[in-house]
Amino acid sequence: MNISVKGKSVHFDDRYLSVELEDGRMILTPMSWYKELQNATFKQLSNYQFICQNTGIEWTELDYHLSIESMLLSQIEKKAA
């Protein structure tokens, strides 16, 4: 996928991780896809920052990085399976 998706904000609950993109779209994926984030506290999940010109998300305390593009690709792969 050769597009540039840039995040604006991150939201989550016990079931979903969602990212609002700068262009107004929302990406919603199940938290179960991110084992490293499932056991994190609300405070730890809230402590994120955008990296790589807003194309990725980093949770420094959890030592976890997530590409926003990978969230889109995961959705496409799951639908194709």
PDB file of N, CA and C in Angstrom:
ATOM      1  N   MET A   1       0.868  -1.163   0.000  1.00  0.00           N
ATOM      2  CA  MET A   1       0.000   0.000   0.000  1.00  0.00           C
ATOM      3  C   MET A   1       0.914   1.224   0.000  1.00  0.00           C
ATOM      4  N   ASN A   2       0.741   2.073  -0.976  1.00  0.00           N
ATOM      5  CA  ASN A   2       1.624   3.219  -1.106  1.00  0.00           C
ATOM      6  C   ASN A   2       0.845   4.503  -0.858  1.00  0.00           C
ATOM      7  N   ILE A   3       0.360   4.652   0.348  1.00  0.00           N
ATOM      8  CA  ILE A   3      -0.358   5.859   0.742  1.00  0.00           C
ATOM      9  C   ILE A   3       0.226   6.351   2.046  1.00  0.00           C
ATOM     10  N   SER A   4      -0.024   7.600   2.333  1.00  0.00           N
ATOM     11  CA  SER A   4       0.463   8.149   3.593  1.00  0.00           C
ATOM     12  C   SER A   4      -0.741   8.456   4.471  1.00  0.00           C
ATOM     13  N   VAL A   5      -0.921   7.661   5.508  1.00  0.00           N
ATOM     14  CA  VAL A   5      -2.012   7.893   6.455  1.00  0.00           C
ATOM     15  C   VAL A   5      -1.406   8.467   7.722  1.00  0.00           C
ATOM     16  N   LYS A   6      -1.943   9.592   8.136  1.00  0.00           N
ATOM     17  CA  LYS A   6      -1.393  10.281   9.297  1.00  0.00           C
ATOM     18  C   LYS A   6      -2.442  10.368  10.392  1.00  0.00           C
ATOM     19  N   GLY A   7      -2.025  10.018  11.599  1.00  0.00           N
ATOM     20  CA  GLY A   7      -2.933  10.021  12.730  1.00  0.00           C
ATOM     21  C   GLY A   7      -3.118  11.387  13.342  1.00  0.00           C
ATOM     22  N   LYS A   8      -4.295  11.571  13.907  1.00  0.00           N
ATOM     23  CA  LYS A   8      -4.637  12.810  14.603  1.00  0.00           C
ATOM     24  C   LYS A   8      -4.863  12.544  16.092  1.00  0.00           C
ATOM     25  N   SER A   9      -5.536  11.427  16.398  1.00  0.00           N
ATOM     26  CA  SER A   9      -5.769  11.065  17.796  1.00  0.00           C
ATOM     27  C   SER A   9      -6.011   9.566  17.905  1.00  0.00           C
ATOM     28  N   VAL A  10      -5.803   9.056  19.117  1.00  0.00           N
ATOM     29  CA  VAL A  10      -5.980   7.628  19.400  1.00  0.00           C
ATOM     30  C   VAL A  10      -7.031   7.491  20.490  1.00  0.00           C
ATOM     31  N   HIS A  11      -7.915   6.523  20.311  1.00  0.00           N
ATOM     32  CA  HIS A  11      -8.962   6.239  21.297  1.00  0.00           C
ATOM     33  C   HIS A  11      -8.991   4.727  21.507  1.00  0.00           C
ATOM     34  N   PHE A  12      -9.435   4.310  22.653  1.00  0.00           N
ATOM     35  CA  PHE A  12      -9.479   2.881  22.929  1.00  0.00           C
ATOM     36  C   PHE A  12     -10.460   2.604  24.048  1.00  0.00           C
ATOM     37  N   ASP A  13     -10.919   1.380  24.063  1.00  0.00           N
ATOM     38  CA  ASP A  13     -11.687   0.865  25.191  1.00  0.00           C
ATOM     39  C   ASP A  13     -11.270  -0.590  25.359  1.00  0.00           C
ATOM     40  N   ASP A  14     -12.000  -1.361  26.116  1.00  0.00           N
ATOM     41  CA  ASP A  14     -11.575  -2.740  26.363  1.00  0.00           C
ATOM     42  C   ASP A  14     -11.707  -3.630  25.131  1.00  0.00           C
ATOM     43  N   ARG A  15     -12.397  -3.174  24.086  1.00  0.00           N
ATOM     44  CA  ARG A  15     -12.591  -3.982  22.885  1.00  0.00           C
ATOM     45  C   ARG A  15     -11.874  -3.463  21.642  1.00  0.00           C
ATOM     46  N   TYR A  16     -11.751  -2.138  21.502  1.00  0.00           N
ATOM     47  CA  TYR A  16     -11.254  -1.580  20.254  1.00  0.00           C
ATOM     48  C   TYR A  16     -10.173  -0.517  20.433  1.00  0.00           C
ATOM     49  N   LEU A  17      -9.283  -0.478  19.446  1.00  0.00           N
ATOM     50  CA  LEU A  17      -8.309   0.594  19.299  1.00  0.00           C
ATOM     51  C   LEU A  17      -8.722   1.353  18.051  1.00  0.00           C
ATOM     52  N   SER A  18      -8.932   2.642  18.168  1.00  0.00           N
ATOM     53  CA  SER A  18      -9.299   3.423  16.993  1.00  0.00           C
ATOM     54  C   SER A  18      -8.359   4.611  16.850  1.00  0.00           C
ATOM     55  N   VAL A  19      -8.094   4.944  15.606  1.00  0.00           N
ATOM     56  CA  VAL A  19      -7.231   6.072  15.291  1.00  0.00           C
ATOM     57  C   VAL A  19      -8.005   6.995  14.359  1.00  0.00           C
ATOM     58  N   GLU A  20      -8.115   8.243  14.750  1.00  0.00           N
ATOM     59  CA  GLU A  20      -8.687   9.254  13.878  1.00  0.00           C
ATOM     60  C   GLU A  20      -7.565   9.780  13.001  1.00  0.00           C
ATOM     61  N   LEU A  21      -7.788   9.783  11.695  1.00  0.00           N
ATOM     62  CA  LEU A  21      -6.787  10.253  10.751  1.00  0.00           C
ATOM     63  C   LEU A  21      -6.952  11.743  10.495  1.00  0.00           C
ATOM     64  N   GLU A  22      -5.882  12.363  10.025  1.00  0.00           N
ATOM     65  CA  GLU A  22      -5.925  13.795   9.731  1.00  0.00           C
ATOM     66  C   GLU A  22      -6.974  14.139   8.689  1.00  0.00           C
ATOM     67  N   ASP A  23      -7.297  13.179   7.789  1.00  0.00           N
ATOM     68  CA  ASP A  23      -8.288  13.454   6.739  1.00  0.00           C
ATOM     69  C   ASP A  23      -9.726  13.180   7.200  1.00  0.00           C
ATOM     70  N   GLY A  24      -9.900  12.851   8.477  1.00  0.00           N
ATOM     71  CA  GLY A  24     -11.234  12.674   9.040  1.00  0.00           C
ATOM     72  C   GLY A  24     -11.710  11.233   9.131  1.00  0.00           C
ATOM     73  N   ARG A  25     -11.015  10.299   8.476  1.00  0.00           N
ATOM     74  CA  ARG A  25     -11.415   8.888   8.570  1.00  0.00           C
ATOM     75  C   ARG A  25     -11.052   8.330   9.941  1.00  0.00           C
ATOM     76  N   MET A  26     -11.728   7.228  10.293  1.00  0.00           N
ATOM     77  CA  MET A  26     -11.432   6.503  11.527  1.00  0.00           C
ATOM     78  C   MET A  26     -11.068   5.070  11.172  1.00  0.00           C
ATOM     79  N   ILE A  27     -10.027   4.563  11.827  1.00  0.00           N
ATOM     80  CA  ILE A  27      -9.664   3.157  11.705  1.00  0.00           C
ATOM     81  C   ILE A  27     -10.014   2.516  13.037  1.00  0.00           C
ATOM     82  N   LEU A  28     -10.748   1.441  13.005  1.00  0.00           N
ATOM     83  CA  LEU A  28     -11.177   0.740  14.212  1.00  0.00           C
ATOM     84  C   LEU A  28     -10.730  -0.710  14.093  1.00  0.00           C
ATOM     85  N   THR A  29      -9.924  -1.170  15.038  1.00  0.00           N
ATOM     86  CA  THR A  29      -9.449  -2.553  15.040  1.00  0.00           C
ATOM     87  C   THR A  29      -9.611  -3.130  16.450  1.00  0.00           C
ATOM     88  N   PRO A  30      -9.801  -4.446  16.535  1.00  0.00           N
ATOM     89  CA  PRO A  30      -9.962  -5.078  17.850  1.00  0.00           C
ATOM     90  C   PRO A  30      -8.680  -5.009  18.679  1.00  0.00           C
ATOM     91  N   MET A  31      -8.805  -4.732  19.951  1.00  0.00           N
ATOM     92  CA  MET A  31      -7.648  -4.720  20.854  1.00  0.00           C
ATOM     93  C   MET A  31      -6.989  -6.094  20.894  1.00  0.00           C
ATOM     94  N   SER A  32      -7.755  -7.149  20.615  1.00  0.00           N
ATOM     95  CA  SER A  32      -7.198  -8.504  20.651  1.00  0.00           C
ATOM     96  C   SER A  32      -6.099  -8.702  19.604  1.00  0.00           C
ATOM     97  N   TRP A  33      -6.012  -7.827  18.622  1.00  0.00           N
ATOM     98  CA  TRP A  33      -4.937  -7.902  17.631  1.00  0.00           C
ATOM     99  C   TRP A  33      -3.607  -7.445  18.205  1.00  0.00           C
ATOM    100  N   TYR A  34      -3.622  -6.759  19.338  1.00  0.00           N
ATOM    101  CA  TYR A  34      -2.411  -6.159  19.903  1.00  0.00           C
ATOM    102  C   TYR A  34      -2.166  -6.711  21.307  1.00  0.00           C
ATOM    103  N   LYS A  35      -1.603  -7.897  21.361  1.00  0.00           N
ATOM    104  CA  LYS A  35      -1.374  -8.574  22.643  1.00  0.00           C
ATOM    105  C   LYS A  35      -0.586  -7.696  23.610  1.00  0.00           C
ATOM    106  N   GLU A  36       0.362  -6.929  23.077  1.00  0.00           N
ATOM    107  CA  GLU A  36       1.205  -6.086  23.924  1.00  0.00           C
ATOM    108  C   GLU A  36       0.408  -4.976  24.604  1.00  0.00           C
ATOM    109  N   LEU A  37      -0.708  -4.588  24.008  1.00  0.00           N
ATOM    110  CA  LEU A  37      -1.516  -3.507  24.576  1.00  0.00           C
ATOM    111  C   LEU A  37      -2.646  -4.016  25.470  1.00  0.00           C
ATOM    112  N   GLN A  38      -3.010  -5.276  25.346  1.00  0.00           N
ATOM    113  CA  GLN A  38      -4.164  -5.805  26.075  1.00  0.00           C
ATOM    114  C   GLN A  38      -4.031  -5.741  27.586  1.00  0.00           C
ATOM    115  N   ASN A  39      -2.841  -5.937  28.106  1.00  0.00           N
ATOM    116  CA  ASN A  39      -2.656  -5.931  29.556  1.00  0.00           C
ATOM    117  C   ASN A  39      -2.214  -4.588  30.100  1.00  0.00           C
ATOM    118  N   ALA A  40      -2.141  -3.588  29.233  1.00  0.00           N
ATOM    119  CA  ALA A  40      -1.723  -2.256  29.667  1.00  0.00           C
ATOM    120  C   ALA A  40      -2.849  -1.571  30.439  1.00  0.00           C
ATOM    121  N   THR A  41      -2.461  -0.676  31.326  1.00  0.00           N
ATOM    122  CA  THR A  41      -3.446   0.101  32.068  1.00  0.00           C
ATOM    123  C   THR A  41      -3.957   1.241  31.193  1.00  0.00           C
ATOM    124  N   PHE A  42      -5.062   1.828  31.605  1.00  0.00           N
ATOM    125  CA  PHE A  42      -5.607   2.983  30.898  1.00  0.00           C
ATOM    126  C   PHE A  42      -4.567   4.097  30.833  1.00  0.00           C
ATOM    127  N   LYS A  43      -3.876   4.304  31.927  1.00  0.00           N
ATOM    128  CA  LYS A  43      -2.850   5.353  31.982  1.00  0.00           C
ATOM    129  C   LYS A  43      -1.723   5.059  30.976  1.00  0.00           C
ATOM    130  N   GLN A  44      -1.284   3.812  30.900  1.00  0.00           N
ATOM    131  CA  GLN A  44      -0.232   3.449  29.953  1.00  0.00           C
ATOM    132  C   GLN A  44      -0.703   3.637  28.511  1.00  0.00           C
ATOM    133  N   LEU A  45      -1.924   3.230  28.205  1.00  0.00           N
ATOM    134  CA  LEU A  45      -2.454   3.380  26.855  1.00  0.00           C
ATOM    135  C   LEU A  45      -2.627   4.849  26.479  1.00  0.00           C
ATOM    136  N   SER A  46      -2.962   5.669  27.459  1.00  0.00           N
ATOM    137  CA  SER A  46      -3.153   7.102  27.211  1.00  0.00           C
ATOM    138  C   SER A  46      -1.838   7.817  26.948  1.00  0.00           C
ATOM    139  N   ASN A  47      -0.749   7.204  27.337  1.00  0.00           N
ATOM    140  CA  ASN A  47       0.564   7.820  27.199  1.00  0.00           C
ATOM    141  C   ASN A  47       1.213   7.401  25.877  1.00  0.00           C
ATOM    142  N   TYR A  48       0.632   7.848  24.771  1.00  0.00           N
ATOM    143  CA  TYR A  48       1.149   7.530  23.439  1.00  0.00           C
ATOM    144  C   TYR A  48       1.659   8.811  22.792  1.00  0.00           C
ATOM    145  N   GLN A  49       2.416   8.642  21.744  1.00  0.00           N
ATOM    146  CA  GLN A  49       2.801   9.772  20.921  1.00  0.00           C
ATOM    147  C   GLN A  49       2.885   9.309  19.471  1.00  0.00           C
ATOM    148  N   PHE A  50       2.627  10.238  18.575  1.00  0.00           N
ATOM    149  CA  PHE A  50       2.781   9.923  17.160  1.00  0.00           C
ATOM    150  C   PHE A  50       4.250  10.042  16.794  1.00  0.00           C
ATOM    151  N   ILE A  51       4.692   9.157  15.919  1.00  0.00           N
ATOM    152  CA  ILE A  51       6.076   9.139  15.469  1.00  0.00           C
ATOM    153  C   ILE A  51       6.088   9.075  13.935  1.00  0.00           C
ATOM    154  N   CYS A  52       7.257   9.246  13.354  1.00  0.00           N
ATOM    155  CA  CYS A  52       7.435   9.109  11.897  1.00  0.00           C
ATOM    156  C   CYS A  52       6.458   9.999  11.127  1.00  0.00           C
ATOM    157  N   GLN A  53       6.450  11.267  11.460  1.00  0.00           N
ATOM    158  CA  GLN A  53       5.572  12.245  10.811  1.00  0.00           C
ATOM    159  C   GLN A  53       4.101  11.850  10.902  1.00  0.00           C
ATOM    160  N   ASN A  54       3.728  11.372  12.081  1.00  0.00           N
ATOM    161  CA  ASN A  54       2.345  10.984  12.409  1.00  0.00           C
ATOM    162  C   ASN A  54       1.844   9.753  11.667  1.00  0.00           C
ATOM    163  N   THR A  55       2.750   8.926  11.133  1.00  0.00           N
ATOM    164  CA  THR A  55       2.331   7.698  10.457  1.00  0.00           C
ATOM    165  C   THR A  55       2.431   6.478  11.371  1.00  0.00           C
ATOM    166  N   GLY A  56       2.904   6.678  12.586  1.00  0.00           N
ATOM    167  CA  GLY A  56       3.030   5.598  13.554  1.00  0.00           C
ATOM    168  C   GLY A  56       2.688   6.085  14.949  1.00  0.00           C
ATOM    169  N   ILE A  57       2.471   5.133  15.835  1.00  0.00           N
ATOM    170  CA  ILE A  57       2.135   5.424  17.227  1.00  0.00           C
ATOM    171  C   ILE A  57       3.145   4.699  18.099  1.00  0.00           C
ATOM    172  N   GLU A  58       3.604   5.371  19.138  1.00  0.00           N
ATOM    173  CA  GLU A  58       4.563   4.767  20.062  1.00  0.00           C
ATOM    174  C   GLU A  58       4.040   4.875  21.489  1.00  0.00           C
ATOM    175  N   TRP A  59       4.130   3.769  22.191  1.00  0.00           N
ATOM    176  CA  TRP A  59       3.868   3.726  23.626  1.00  0.00           C
ATOM    177  C   TRP A  59       5.223   3.446  24.273  1.00  0.00           C
ATOM    178  N   THR A  60       5.913   4.501  24.658  1.00  0.00           N
ATOM    179  CA  THR A  60       7.285   4.380  25.150  1.00  0.00           C
ATOM    180  C   THR A  60       7.376   3.465  26.357  1.00  0.00           C
ATOM    181  N   GLU A  61       6.498   3.652  27.320  1.00  0.00           N
ATOM    182  CA  GLU A  61       6.528   2.847  28.541  1.00  0.00           C
ATOM    183  C   GLU A  61       6.334   1.364  28.255  1.00  0.00           C
ATOM    184  N   LEU A  62       5.574   1.051  27.220  1.00  0.00           N
ATOM    185  CA  LEU A  62       5.303  -0.342  26.865  1.00  0.00           C
ATOM    186  C   LEU A  62       6.297  -0.876  25.838  1.00  0.00           C
ATOM    187  N   ASP A  63       7.168  -0.002  25.338  1.00  0.00           N
ATOM    188  CA  ASP A  63       8.132  -0.353  24.290  1.00  0.00           C
ATOM    189  C   ASP A  63       7.411  -0.989  23.106  1.00  0.00           C
ATOM    190  N   TYR A  64       6.352  -0.307  22.641  1.00  0.00           N
ATOM    191  CA  TYR A  64       5.532  -0.822  21.548  1.00  0.00           C
ATOM    192  C   TYR A  64       5.319   0.266  20.513  1.00  0.00           C
ATOM    193  N   HIS A  65       5.474  -0.115  19.246  1.00  0.00           N
ATOM    194  CA  HIS A  65       5.281   0.793  18.117  1.00  0.00           C
ATOM    195  C   HIS A  65       4.275   0.171  17.168  1.00  0.00           C
ATOM    196  N   LEU A  66       3.430   1.011  16.590  1.00  0.00           N
ATOM    197  CA  LEU A  66       2.399   0.529  15.680  1.00  0.00           C
ATOM    198  C   LEU A  66       2.329   1.452  14.471  1.00  0.00           C
ATOM    199  N   SER A  67       2.434   0.874  13.305  1.00  0.00           N
ATOM    200  CA  SER A  67       2.276   1.612  12.054  1.00  0.00           C
ATOM    201  C   SER A  67       0.784   1.753  11.761  1.00  0.00           C
ATOM    202  N   ILE A  68       0.346   2.963  11.480  1.00  0.00           N
ATOM    203  CA  ILE A  68      -1.066   3.169  11.157  1.00  0.00           C
ATOM    204  C   ILE A  68      -1.407   2.452   9.855  1.00  0.00           C
ATOM    205  N   GLU A  69      -0.490   2.456   8.910  1.00  0.00           N
ATOM    206  CA  GLU A  69      -0.709   1.741   7.652  1.00  0.00           C
ATOM    207  C   GLU A  69      -0.925   0.251   7.903  1.00  0.00           C
ATOM    208  N   SER A  70      -0.213  -0.309   8.885  1.00  0.00           N
ATOM    209  CA  SER A  70      -0.389  -1.739   9.187  1.00  0.00           C
ATOM    210  C   SER A  70      -1.789  -2.031   9.717  1.00  0.00           C
ATOM    211  N   MET A  71      -2.396  -1.056  10.387  1.00  0.00           N
ATOM    212  CA  MET A  71      -3.771  -1.239  10.846  1.00  0.00           C
ATOM    213  C   MET A  71      -4.699  -1.394   9.647  1.00  0.00           C
ATOM    214  N   LEU A  72      -4.478  -0.591   8.602  1.00  0.00           N
ATOM    215  CA  LEU A  72      -5.292  -0.687   7.390  1.00  0.00           C
ATOM    216  C   LEU A  72      -5.039  -1.999   6.671  1.00  0.00           C
ATOM    217  N   LEU A  73      -3.776  -2.384   6.562  1.00  0.00           N
ATOM    218  CA  LEU A  73      -3.438  -3.633   5.885  1.00  0.00           C
ATOM    219  C   LEU A  73      -4.015  -4.826   6.625  1.00  0.00           C
ATOM    220  N   SER A  74      -3.995  -4.787   7.939  1.00  0.00           N
ATOM    221  CA  SER A  74      -4.559  -5.884   8.736  1.00  0.00           C
ATOM    222  C   SER A  74      -6.042  -6.037   8.463  1.00  0.00           C
ATOM    223  N   GLN A  75      -6.749  -4.907   8.317  1.00  0.00           N
ATOM    224  CA  GLN A  75      -8.176  -4.973   8.022  1.00  0.00           C
ATOM    225  C   GLN A  75      -8.416  -5.629   6.673  1.00  0.00           C
ATOM    226  N   ILE A  76      -7.603  -5.287   5.672  1.00  0.00           N
ATOM    227  CA  ILE A  76      -7.754  -5.853   4.336  1.00  0.00           C
ATOM    228  C   ILE A  76      -7.446  -7.354   4.365  1.00  0.00           C
ATOM    229  N   GLU A  77      -6.369  -7.735   5.053  1.00  0.00           N
ATOM    230  CA  GLU A  77      -5.986  -9.151   5.126  1.00  0.00           C
ATOM    231  C   GLU A  77      -7.049  -9.966   5.841  1.00  0.00           C
ATOM    232  N   LYS A  78      -7.616  -9.438   6.916  1.00  0.00           N
ATOM    233  CA  LYS A  78      -8.644 -10.174   7.668  1.00  0.00           C
ATOM    234  C   LYS A  78      -9.887 -10.385   6.807  1.00  0.00           C
ATOM    235  N   LYS A  79     -10.248  -9.378   5.997  1.00  0.00           N
ATOM    236  CA  LYS A  79     -11.436  -9.498   5.137  1.00  0.00           C
ATOM    237  C   LYS A  79     -11.209 -10.511   4.023  1.00  0.00           C
ATOM    238  N   ALA A  80      -9.973 -10.590   3.525  1.00  0.00           N
ATOM    239  CA  ALA A  80      -9.660 -11.493   2.421  1.00  0.00           C
ATOM    240  C   ALA A  80      -9.578 -12.959   2.864  1.00  0.00           C
ATOM    241  N   ALA A  81      -9.337 -13.174   4.152  1.00  0.00           N
ATOM    242  CA  ALA A  81      -9.166 -14.551   4.656  1.00  0.00           C
ATOM    243  C   ALA A  81     -10.474 -15.312   4.716  1.00  0.00           C
TER     244      ALA A  81
END
